[in-house]
N, C-alpha and C. Protein backbone atom coordinates (compact mmCIF):
# COMPACT_ATOMS: atom_id res chain seq x y z
N MET A 1 -129.34 -261.77 -33.61
CA MET A 1 -128.29 -261.24 -34.45
C MET A 1 -128.85 -260.18 -35.42
N LEU A 2 -130.02 -260.45 -36.02
CA LEU A 2 -130.62 -259.48 -36.91
C LEU A 2 -130.97 -258.20 -36.16
N LYS A 3 -131.39 -258.36 -34.94
CA LYS A 3 -131.75 -257.21 -34.13
C LYS A 3 -130.52 -256.33 -33.91
N GLU A 4 -129.37 -256.93 -33.66
CA GLU A 4 -128.13 -256.18 -33.45
C GLU A 4 -127.69 -255.48 -34.74
N MET A 5 -127.90 -256.13 -35.86
CA MET A 5 -127.53 -255.51 -37.15
C MET A 5 -128.42 -254.30 -37.43
N ARG A 6 -129.70 -254.42 -37.09
CA ARG A 6 -130.61 -253.29 -37.30
C ARG A 6 -130.22 -252.11 -36.41
N GLU A 7 -129.88 -252.41 -35.18
CA GLU A 7 -129.46 -251.37 -34.25
C GLU A 7 -128.16 -250.73 -34.72
N GLY A 8 -127.24 -251.55 -35.25
CA GLY A 8 -125.95 -251.04 -35.74
C GLY A 8 -126.12 -250.15 -36.96
N ALA A 9 -127.12 -250.47 -37.82
CA ALA A 9 -127.37 -249.67 -39.01
C ALA A 9 -127.89 -248.29 -38.65
N LYS A 10 -128.54 -248.17 -37.50
CA LYS A 10 -129.06 -246.87 -37.06
C LYS A 10 -127.97 -246.02 -36.42
N SER A 11 -126.84 -246.64 -36.12
CA SER A 11 -125.76 -245.94 -35.43
C SER A 11 -125.12 -244.91 -36.36
N MET A 12 -124.94 -243.71 -35.86
CA MET A 12 -124.33 -242.63 -36.62
C MET A 12 -122.84 -242.89 -36.84
N VAL A 13 -122.19 -243.52 -35.90
CA VAL A 13 -120.76 -243.81 -36.01
C VAL A 13 -120.50 -244.75 -37.18
N LEU A 14 -121.34 -245.78 -37.33
CA LEU A 14 -121.18 -246.72 -38.44
C LEU A 14 -121.42 -246.04 -39.78
N LYS A 15 -122.41 -245.17 -39.85
CA LYS A 15 -122.69 -244.45 -41.10
C LYS A 15 -121.52 -243.55 -41.48
N ILE A 16 -120.95 -242.84 -40.53
CA ILE A 16 -119.81 -241.97 -40.80
C ILE A 16 -118.60 -242.80 -41.23
N PHE A 17 -118.40 -243.95 -40.56
CA PHE A 17 -117.28 -244.82 -40.91
C PHE A 17 -117.42 -245.33 -42.34
N LEU A 18 -118.61 -245.81 -42.72
CA LEU A 18 -118.82 -246.33 -44.08
C LEU A 18 -118.70 -245.22 -45.12
N PHE A 19 -119.22 -244.04 -44.82
CA PHE A 19 -119.11 -242.92 -45.75
C PHE A 19 -117.65 -242.50 -45.93
N GLY A 20 -116.89 -242.50 -44.84
CA GLY A 20 -115.47 -242.19 -44.91
C GLY A 20 -114.71 -243.22 -45.74
N LEU A 21 -115.06 -244.49 -45.58
CA LEU A 21 -114.46 -245.56 -46.37
C LEU A 21 -114.76 -245.36 -47.85
N LEU A 22 -115.99 -244.97 -48.17
CA LEU A 22 -116.38 -244.70 -49.56
C LEU A 22 -115.58 -243.52 -50.13
N LEU A 23 -115.41 -242.47 -49.35
CA LEU A 23 -114.63 -241.32 -49.79
C LEU A 23 -113.17 -241.69 -50.04
N LEU A 24 -112.61 -242.51 -49.15
CA LEU A 24 -111.23 -242.97 -49.34
C LEU A 24 -111.08 -243.79 -50.61
N ALA A 25 -112.06 -244.64 -50.90
CA ALA A 25 -112.01 -245.45 -52.12
C ALA A 25 -112.07 -244.57 -53.35
N MET A 26 -112.95 -243.58 -53.35
CA MET A 26 -113.06 -242.67 -54.50
C MET A 26 -111.78 -241.85 -54.67
N THR A 27 -111.20 -241.39 -53.58
CA THR A 27 -109.96 -240.64 -53.64
C THR A 27 -108.83 -241.51 -54.17
N GLY A 28 -108.78 -242.77 -53.74
CA GLY A 28 -107.77 -243.70 -54.24
C GLY A 28 -107.90 -243.91 -55.73
N LEU A 29 -109.12 -244.06 -56.24
CA LEU A 29 -109.32 -244.21 -57.68
C LEU A 29 -108.87 -242.97 -58.44
N ALA A 30 -109.19 -241.81 -57.91
CA ALA A 30 -108.80 -240.57 -58.58
C ALA A 30 -107.29 -240.40 -58.58
N LEU A 31 -106.64 -240.76 -57.48
CA LEU A 31 -105.18 -240.62 -57.40
C LEU A 31 -104.47 -241.64 -58.28
N LEU A 32 -104.98 -242.86 -58.31
CA LEU A 32 -104.36 -243.88 -59.15
C LEU A 32 -104.60 -243.57 -60.63
N ASP A 33 -105.80 -243.16 -60.96
CA ASP A 33 -106.18 -242.78 -62.33
C ASP A 33 -105.67 -243.80 -63.33
N VAL A 34 -106.10 -245.03 -63.14
CA VAL A 34 -105.59 -246.15 -63.92
C VAL A 34 -105.78 -245.94 -65.42
N GLN A 35 -106.93 -245.50 -65.85
CA GLN A 35 -107.19 -245.34 -67.27
C GLN A 35 -106.82 -243.95 -67.78
N GLY A 36 -106.37 -243.08 -66.92
CA GLY A 36 -106.00 -241.74 -67.35
C GLY A 36 -107.20 -240.86 -67.64
N MET A 37 -108.36 -241.24 -67.17
CA MET A 37 -109.58 -240.50 -67.47
C MET A 37 -109.55 -239.11 -66.86
N PHE A 38 -109.01 -238.99 -65.65
CA PHE A 38 -109.00 -237.68 -65.00
C PHE A 38 -107.88 -236.80 -65.53
N ARG A 39 -106.77 -237.41 -65.92
CA ARG A 39 -105.61 -236.66 -66.41
C ARG A 39 -105.84 -236.13 -67.82
N ARG A 40 -106.23 -237.00 -68.71
CA ARG A 40 -106.32 -236.64 -70.12
C ARG A 40 -107.69 -236.14 -70.54
N GLY A 41 -108.70 -236.45 -69.78
CA GLY A 41 -110.04 -236.06 -70.16
C GLY A 41 -110.51 -236.92 -71.33
N VAL A 42 -111.31 -236.36 -72.19
CA VAL A 42 -111.82 -237.09 -73.34
C VAL A 42 -110.70 -237.21 -74.37
N THR A 43 -110.52 -238.41 -74.88
CA THR A 43 -109.48 -238.62 -75.89
C THR A 43 -109.89 -237.95 -77.19
N ASN A 44 -108.92 -237.74 -78.07
CA ASN A 44 -109.26 -237.07 -79.33
C ASN A 44 -110.13 -237.97 -80.19
N ASP A 45 -110.83 -237.39 -81.11
CA ASP A 45 -111.78 -238.14 -81.92
C ASP A 45 -111.27 -238.36 -83.33
N THR A 46 -109.96 -238.46 -83.49
CA THR A 46 -109.37 -238.68 -84.80
C THR A 46 -109.60 -240.11 -85.25
N ILE A 47 -110.12 -240.27 -86.46
CA ILE A 47 -110.34 -241.60 -87.02
C ILE A 47 -109.13 -242.02 -87.84
N VAL A 48 -108.66 -241.12 -88.70
CA VAL A 48 -107.56 -241.44 -89.60
C VAL A 48 -106.59 -240.27 -89.63
N ASN A 49 -105.30 -240.57 -89.52
CA ASN A 49 -104.23 -239.59 -89.74
C ASN A 49 -103.57 -239.91 -91.07
N TYR A 50 -103.42 -238.93 -91.91
CA TYR A 50 -102.69 -239.11 -93.16
C TYR A 50 -101.93 -237.83 -93.41
N GLY A 51 -100.62 -237.98 -93.48
CA GLY A 51 -99.77 -236.81 -93.61
C GLY A 51 -99.91 -235.93 -92.38
N HIS A 52 -100.07 -234.66 -92.60
CA HIS A 52 -100.24 -233.73 -91.49
C HIS A 52 -101.72 -233.41 -91.23
N GLU A 53 -102.61 -234.07 -91.94
CA GLU A 53 -104.04 -233.84 -91.78
C GLU A 53 -104.67 -235.02 -91.05
N LYS A 54 -105.92 -234.83 -90.62
CA LYS A 54 -106.64 -235.90 -89.94
C LYS A 54 -108.12 -235.81 -90.27
N LEU A 55 -108.78 -236.95 -90.16
CA LEU A 55 -110.21 -237.03 -90.34
C LEU A 55 -110.82 -237.30 -88.98
N THR A 56 -111.61 -236.35 -88.48
CA THR A 56 -112.20 -236.50 -87.15
C THR A 56 -113.55 -237.21 -87.24
N ALA A 57 -114.00 -237.69 -86.11
CA ALA A 57 -115.28 -238.40 -86.06
C ALA A 57 -116.44 -237.49 -86.46
N SER A 58 -116.38 -236.23 -86.06
CA SER A 58 -117.48 -235.31 -86.41
C SER A 58 -117.50 -235.04 -87.92
N ASP A 59 -116.32 -234.88 -88.53
CA ASP A 59 -116.27 -234.69 -89.98
C ASP A 59 -116.78 -235.93 -90.71
N PHE A 60 -116.35 -237.10 -90.24
CA PHE A 60 -116.78 -238.33 -90.88
C PHE A 60 -118.28 -238.53 -90.72
N ASP A 61 -118.82 -238.20 -89.55
CA ASP A 61 -120.26 -238.31 -89.34
C ASP A 61 -121.02 -237.39 -90.28
N ARG A 62 -120.50 -236.17 -90.48
CA ARG A 62 -121.14 -235.23 -91.42
C ARG A 62 -121.14 -235.81 -92.83
N ILE A 63 -120.04 -236.44 -93.23
CA ILE A 63 -119.93 -237.02 -94.57
C ILE A 63 -120.91 -238.18 -94.72
N VAL A 64 -120.99 -239.04 -93.70
CA VAL A 64 -121.90 -240.19 -93.75
C VAL A 64 -123.35 -239.72 -93.80
N GLN A 65 -123.71 -238.75 -92.95
CA GLN A 65 -125.09 -238.26 -92.93
C GLN A 65 -125.47 -237.62 -94.26
N SER A 66 -124.53 -236.89 -94.86
CA SER A 66 -124.79 -236.29 -96.17
C SER A 66 -125.01 -237.37 -97.22
N SER A 67 -124.21 -238.40 -97.18
CA SER A 67 -124.35 -239.50 -98.12
C SER A 67 -125.68 -240.23 -97.93
N LEU A 68 -126.08 -240.40 -96.69
CA LEU A 68 -127.36 -241.06 -96.41
C LEU A 68 -128.53 -240.22 -96.93
N ARG A 69 -128.43 -238.90 -96.76
CA ARG A 69 -129.49 -238.02 -97.29
C ARG A 69 -129.55 -238.11 -98.81
N ASN A 70 -128.37 -238.11 -99.46
CA ASN A 70 -128.35 -238.17 -100.92
C ASN A 70 -128.93 -239.48 -101.44
N GLN A 71 -128.66 -240.57 -100.73
CA GLN A 71 -129.15 -241.88 -101.17
C GLN A 71 -130.52 -242.22 -100.61
N ARG A 72 -131.06 -241.35 -99.77
CA ARG A 72 -132.37 -241.56 -99.13
C ARG A 72 -132.42 -242.94 -98.46
N MET A 73 -131.43 -243.17 -97.61
CA MET A 73 -131.29 -244.46 -96.95
C MET A 73 -131.40 -244.27 -95.44
N LYS A 74 -132.01 -245.25 -94.77
CA LYS A 74 -132.10 -245.21 -93.32
C LYS A 74 -130.73 -245.54 -92.74
N GLN A 75 -130.47 -244.99 -91.57
CA GLN A 75 -129.18 -245.20 -90.93
C GLN A 75 -128.96 -246.67 -90.58
N SER A 76 -129.99 -247.34 -90.11
CA SER A 76 -129.85 -248.75 -89.75
C SER A 76 -129.53 -249.61 -90.97
N ASP A 77 -130.18 -249.32 -92.10
CA ASP A 77 -129.90 -250.07 -93.33
C ASP A 77 -128.48 -249.81 -93.82
N ALA A 78 -128.04 -248.57 -93.67
CA ALA A 78 -126.69 -248.22 -94.13
C ALA A 78 -125.63 -248.95 -93.32
N TYR A 79 -125.81 -248.99 -92.01
CA TYR A 79 -124.83 -249.69 -91.17
C TYR A 79 -124.87 -251.19 -91.41
N ARG A 80 -126.05 -251.71 -91.66
CA ARG A 80 -126.17 -253.14 -91.93
C ARG A 80 -125.46 -253.51 -93.23
N SER A 81 -125.54 -252.65 -94.23
CA SER A 81 -124.92 -252.94 -95.52
C SER A 81 -123.44 -252.55 -95.57
N GLY A 82 -122.92 -251.93 -94.53
CA GLY A 82 -121.51 -251.58 -94.50
C GLY A 82 -121.18 -250.28 -95.23
N LEU A 83 -122.16 -249.44 -95.43
CA LEU A 83 -121.94 -248.19 -96.16
C LEU A 83 -120.92 -247.26 -95.49
N PRO A 84 -120.93 -247.10 -94.17
CA PRO A 84 -119.91 -246.22 -93.56
C PRO A 84 -118.48 -246.67 -93.85
N ARG A 85 -118.24 -247.96 -93.89
CA ARG A 85 -116.90 -248.47 -94.20
C ARG A 85 -116.52 -248.12 -95.64
N GLN A 86 -117.48 -248.25 -96.55
CA GLN A 86 -117.22 -247.89 -97.95
C GLN A 86 -116.94 -246.40 -98.08
N ILE A 87 -117.71 -245.60 -97.37
CA ILE A 87 -117.51 -244.14 -97.40
C ILE A 87 -116.15 -243.79 -96.84
N LEU A 88 -115.74 -244.46 -95.77
CA LEU A 88 -114.42 -244.21 -95.19
C LEU A 88 -113.31 -244.55 -96.18
N ARG A 89 -113.43 -245.68 -96.85
CA ARG A 89 -112.42 -246.05 -97.86
C ARG A 89 -112.36 -245.01 -98.98
N GLN A 90 -113.53 -244.58 -99.46
CA GLN A 90 -113.58 -243.58 -100.52
C GLN A 90 -112.96 -242.26 -100.06
N GLU A 91 -113.26 -241.88 -98.84
CA GLU A 91 -112.73 -240.62 -98.30
C GLU A 91 -111.21 -240.68 -98.16
N ILE A 92 -110.70 -241.81 -97.67
CA ILE A 92 -109.25 -241.96 -97.54
C ILE A 92 -108.60 -241.93 -98.90
N ASP A 93 -109.16 -242.67 -99.87
CA ASP A 93 -108.60 -242.67 -101.23
C ASP A 93 -108.62 -241.28 -101.83
N SER A 94 -109.73 -240.60 -101.66
CA SER A 94 -109.87 -239.24 -102.21
C SER A 94 -108.83 -238.30 -101.61
N ARG A 95 -108.66 -238.36 -100.30
CA ARG A 95 -107.70 -237.46 -99.65
C ARG A 95 -106.27 -237.82 -99.99
N LEU A 96 -105.98 -239.10 -100.16
CA LEU A 96 -104.62 -239.50 -100.55
C LEU A 96 -104.31 -239.04 -101.98
N PHE A 97 -105.28 -239.16 -102.89
CA PHE A 97 -105.08 -238.65 -104.24
C PHE A 97 -104.92 -237.14 -104.24
N SER A 98 -105.68 -236.48 -103.38
CA SER A 98 -105.56 -235.02 -103.27
C SER A 98 -104.18 -234.63 -102.77
N MET A 99 -103.66 -235.37 -101.79
CA MET A 99 -102.31 -235.09 -101.28
C MET A 99 -101.27 -235.35 -102.36
N ALA A 100 -101.45 -236.43 -103.11
CA ALA A 100 -100.51 -236.75 -104.19
C ALA A 100 -100.53 -235.67 -105.26
N ALA A 101 -101.72 -235.19 -105.61
CA ALA A 101 -101.84 -234.12 -106.59
C ALA A 101 -101.15 -232.86 -106.10
N HIS A 102 -101.30 -232.56 -104.83
CA HIS A 102 -100.64 -231.39 -104.26
C HIS A 102 -99.12 -231.57 -104.26
N ASP A 103 -98.67 -232.80 -103.94
CA ASP A 103 -97.23 -233.07 -103.88
C ASP A 103 -96.55 -232.91 -105.24
N ILE A 104 -97.26 -233.25 -106.31
CA ILE A 104 -96.63 -233.10 -107.63
C ILE A 104 -96.85 -231.71 -108.23
N GLY A 105 -97.54 -230.86 -107.48
CA GLY A 105 -97.70 -229.47 -107.91
C GLY A 105 -98.89 -229.22 -108.80
N LEU A 106 -99.87 -230.10 -108.79
CA LEU A 106 -101.07 -229.94 -109.60
C LEU A 106 -102.01 -228.97 -108.89
N GLU A 107 -102.08 -227.75 -109.37
CA GLU A 107 -102.89 -226.70 -108.75
C GLU A 107 -104.08 -226.37 -109.66
N ILE A 108 -105.23 -226.18 -109.07
CA ILE A 108 -106.45 -225.83 -109.79
C ILE A 108 -106.76 -224.36 -109.49
N ASP A 109 -106.99 -223.59 -110.55
CA ASP A 109 -107.26 -222.17 -110.34
C ASP A 109 -108.72 -221.95 -109.97
N ASP A 110 -109.00 -220.75 -109.48
CA ASP A 110 -110.33 -220.42 -108.98
C ASP A 110 -111.39 -220.39 -110.08
N THR A 111 -110.99 -220.04 -111.30
CA THR A 111 -111.98 -219.97 -112.39
C THR A 111 -112.56 -221.34 -112.70
N LEU A 112 -111.72 -222.38 -112.67
CA LEU A 112 -112.22 -223.73 -112.93
C LEU A 112 -113.15 -224.18 -111.80
N ALA A 113 -112.81 -223.83 -110.56
CA ALA A 113 -113.66 -224.17 -109.42
C ALA A 113 -114.99 -223.41 -109.51
N ALA A 114 -114.93 -222.14 -109.92
CA ALA A 114 -116.16 -221.35 -110.07
C ALA A 114 -117.05 -221.93 -111.17
N LYS A 115 -116.43 -222.41 -112.24
CA LYS A 115 -117.18 -223.05 -113.32
C LYS A 115 -117.88 -224.31 -112.79
N GLN A 116 -117.17 -225.07 -111.97
CA GLN A 116 -117.75 -226.28 -111.39
C GLN A 116 -118.92 -225.95 -110.47
N VAL A 117 -118.79 -224.88 -109.71
CA VAL A 117 -119.89 -224.46 -108.82
C VAL A 117 -121.10 -224.06 -109.65
N LYS A 118 -120.88 -223.34 -110.74
CA LYS A 118 -121.99 -222.94 -111.61
C LYS A 118 -122.70 -224.16 -112.20
N GLU A 119 -121.92 -225.17 -112.55
CA GLU A 119 -122.53 -226.41 -113.07
C GLU A 119 -123.36 -227.10 -111.99
N MET A 120 -122.90 -227.03 -110.75
CA MET A 120 -123.66 -227.63 -109.65
C MET A 120 -124.94 -226.84 -109.37
N LEU A 121 -124.89 -225.54 -109.59
CA LEU A 121 -126.05 -224.68 -109.32
C LEU A 121 -127.05 -224.68 -110.47
N ALA A 122 -126.64 -225.12 -111.66
CA ALA A 122 -127.50 -225.05 -112.84
C ALA A 122 -128.86 -225.70 -112.65
N PRO A 123 -128.97 -226.91 -112.08
CA PRO A 123 -130.32 -227.49 -111.91
C PRO A 123 -131.22 -226.67 -111.00
N LEU A 124 -130.64 -226.06 -109.98
CA LEU A 124 -131.45 -225.24 -109.07
C LEU A 124 -131.86 -223.93 -109.73
N VAL A 125 -130.98 -223.36 -110.55
CA VAL A 125 -131.30 -222.11 -111.25
C VAL A 125 -132.39 -222.36 -112.28
N GLU A 126 -132.33 -223.53 -112.93
CA GLU A 126 -133.36 -223.87 -113.92
C GLU A 126 -134.75 -224.00 -113.27
N LYS A 127 -134.78 -224.35 -111.99
CA LYS A 127 -136.05 -224.48 -111.29
C LYS A 127 -136.61 -223.13 -110.85
N GLY A 128 -135.88 -222.04 -111.11
CA GLY A 128 -136.39 -220.71 -110.81
C GLY A 128 -135.69 -219.98 -109.68
N MET A 129 -134.70 -220.59 -109.06
CA MET A 129 -133.97 -219.91 -107.98
C MET A 129 -132.91 -218.99 -108.59
N ASN A 130 -132.61 -217.91 -107.89
CA ASN A 130 -131.49 -217.11 -108.35
C ASN A 130 -130.20 -217.76 -107.84
N GLU A 131 -129.06 -217.33 -108.37
CA GLU A 131 -127.79 -217.99 -108.06
C GLU A 131 -127.42 -217.89 -106.58
N LYS A 132 -127.73 -216.77 -105.96
CA LYS A 132 -127.38 -216.59 -104.56
C LYS A 132 -128.16 -217.56 -103.68
N ASP A 133 -129.47 -217.68 -103.92
CA ASP A 133 -130.29 -218.61 -103.15
C ASP A 133 -129.90 -220.06 -103.43
N ALA A 134 -129.58 -220.34 -104.69
CA ALA A 134 -129.17 -221.70 -105.05
C ALA A 134 -127.87 -222.07 -104.35
N LEU A 135 -126.94 -221.11 -104.27
CA LEU A 135 -125.67 -221.37 -103.59
C LEU A 135 -125.91 -221.58 -102.09
N ALA A 136 -126.77 -220.77 -101.50
CA ALA A 136 -127.09 -220.94 -100.08
C ALA A 136 -127.72 -222.30 -99.83
N ARG A 137 -128.58 -222.73 -100.71
CA ARG A 137 -129.22 -224.06 -100.58
C ARG A 137 -128.19 -225.17 -100.70
N LEU A 138 -127.28 -225.04 -101.66
CA LEU A 138 -126.24 -226.05 -101.87
C LEU A 138 -125.32 -226.14 -100.65
N LEU A 139 -124.94 -225.00 -100.12
CA LEU A 139 -124.09 -224.99 -98.93
C LEU A 139 -124.81 -225.59 -97.73
N GLN A 140 -126.10 -225.35 -97.63
CA GLN A 140 -126.88 -225.92 -96.53
C GLN A 140 -126.98 -227.43 -96.65
N VAL A 141 -127.19 -227.92 -97.86
CA VAL A 141 -127.32 -229.37 -98.08
C VAL A 141 -126.03 -230.09 -97.72
N TYR A 142 -124.90 -229.53 -98.12
CA TYR A 142 -123.62 -230.18 -97.86
C TYR A 142 -123.00 -229.76 -96.52
N SER A 143 -123.64 -228.88 -95.79
CA SER A 143 -123.16 -228.39 -94.49
C SER A 143 -121.73 -227.86 -94.60
N LEU A 144 -121.50 -227.01 -95.59
CA LEU A 144 -120.17 -226.44 -95.83
C LEU A 144 -120.27 -224.93 -95.93
N SER A 145 -119.14 -224.29 -95.71
CA SER A 145 -119.06 -222.86 -96.00
C SER A 145 -118.64 -222.71 -97.46
N GLU A 146 -118.69 -221.49 -97.95
CA GLU A 146 -118.33 -221.25 -99.36
C GLU A 146 -116.86 -221.60 -99.61
N GLY A 147 -115.99 -221.23 -98.69
CA GLY A 147 -114.57 -221.54 -98.83
C GLY A 147 -114.29 -223.04 -98.79
N GLN A 148 -115.02 -223.74 -97.90
CA GLN A 148 -114.84 -225.19 -97.82
C GLN A 148 -115.31 -225.87 -99.10
N LEU A 149 -116.40 -225.37 -99.69
CA LEU A 149 -116.90 -225.94 -100.93
C LEU A 149 -115.89 -225.75 -102.06
N VAL A 150 -115.35 -224.55 -102.18
CA VAL A 150 -114.37 -224.28 -103.24
C VAL A 150 -113.12 -225.12 -103.03
N ALA A 151 -112.65 -225.22 -101.79
CA ALA A 151 -111.46 -226.04 -101.51
C ALA A 151 -111.72 -227.51 -101.83
N ALA A 152 -112.90 -228.00 -101.48
CA ALA A 152 -113.24 -229.39 -101.76
C ALA A 152 -113.31 -229.65 -103.26
N LEU A 153 -113.89 -228.70 -103.99
CA LEU A 153 -113.98 -228.85 -105.45
C LEU A 153 -112.61 -228.82 -106.10
N LYS A 154 -111.76 -227.91 -105.65
CA LYS A 154 -110.40 -227.84 -106.20
C LYS A 154 -109.65 -229.14 -105.95
N SER A 155 -109.80 -229.65 -104.76
CA SER A 155 -109.14 -230.91 -104.41
C SER A 155 -109.69 -232.06 -105.24
N GLN A 156 -111.00 -232.08 -105.43
CA GLN A 156 -111.63 -233.14 -106.20
C GLN A 156 -111.21 -233.08 -107.67
N ILE A 157 -111.15 -231.90 -108.23
CA ILE A 157 -110.74 -231.75 -109.63
C ILE A 157 -109.29 -232.18 -109.81
N ALA A 158 -108.43 -231.77 -108.88
CA ALA A 158 -107.02 -232.17 -108.96
C ALA A 158 -106.87 -233.68 -108.85
N SER A 159 -107.63 -234.29 -107.95
CA SER A 159 -107.57 -235.74 -107.79
C SER A 159 -108.05 -236.46 -109.05
N GLN A 160 -109.12 -235.95 -109.64
CA GLN A 160 -109.64 -236.56 -110.87
C GLN A 160 -108.65 -236.43 -112.02
N GLN A 161 -107.99 -235.28 -112.12
CA GLN A 161 -106.99 -235.10 -113.18
C GLN A 161 -105.82 -236.04 -112.98
N LEU A 162 -105.37 -236.21 -111.75
CA LEU A 162 -104.28 -237.13 -111.47
C LEU A 162 -104.69 -238.56 -111.78
N LEU A 163 -105.88 -238.94 -111.37
CA LEU A 163 -106.36 -240.29 -111.62
C LEU A 163 -106.52 -240.57 -113.10
N SER A 164 -107.06 -239.61 -113.85
CA SER A 164 -107.21 -239.81 -115.30
C SER A 164 -105.85 -239.90 -115.99
N THR A 165 -104.87 -239.15 -115.47
CA THR A 165 -103.51 -239.25 -116.03
C THR A 165 -102.92 -240.62 -115.76
N LEU A 166 -103.11 -241.13 -114.56
CA LEU A 166 -102.59 -242.45 -114.22
C LEU A 166 -103.27 -243.55 -115.01
N VAL A 167 -104.58 -243.42 -115.22
CA VAL A 167 -105.32 -244.44 -115.94
C VAL A 167 -104.91 -244.46 -117.42
N SER A 168 -104.72 -243.28 -118.01
CA SER A 168 -104.36 -243.24 -119.43
C SER A 168 -102.91 -243.62 -119.61
């Protein structure tokens, strides 16, 4: 019996038949597309939807990595202590307060944001850097463009003003 099986395995007809069966199975999976993998491709990477905005996985990863750099913490220790969950809660709260500030018409002008940027640059300027290099360094550390930094600061200031009003 083993001898017949060995002879059958050498047969070209059997190999073609098994290969054809394999192709039919793969075609059936593709046509059925049970999980929608072929139709939809990669699903979106949205973590949180709030209002008309969303927080994507890549944005959240950038925020977490920046926080880990600032705290000089290893990634494994951060995940063990639950830091990403805390960061997510803070980010959601911050964005909700920012939306609330925008909804009530609390607008921050560019001069206040520029003043805040100068305060952030002050320690670097005191170390001997000029303002342009200090700004480039700050943008590199936070992985932001200049417009994103100003928008984030304006949002943060508005949120803080709203929160201080609510607390008082």
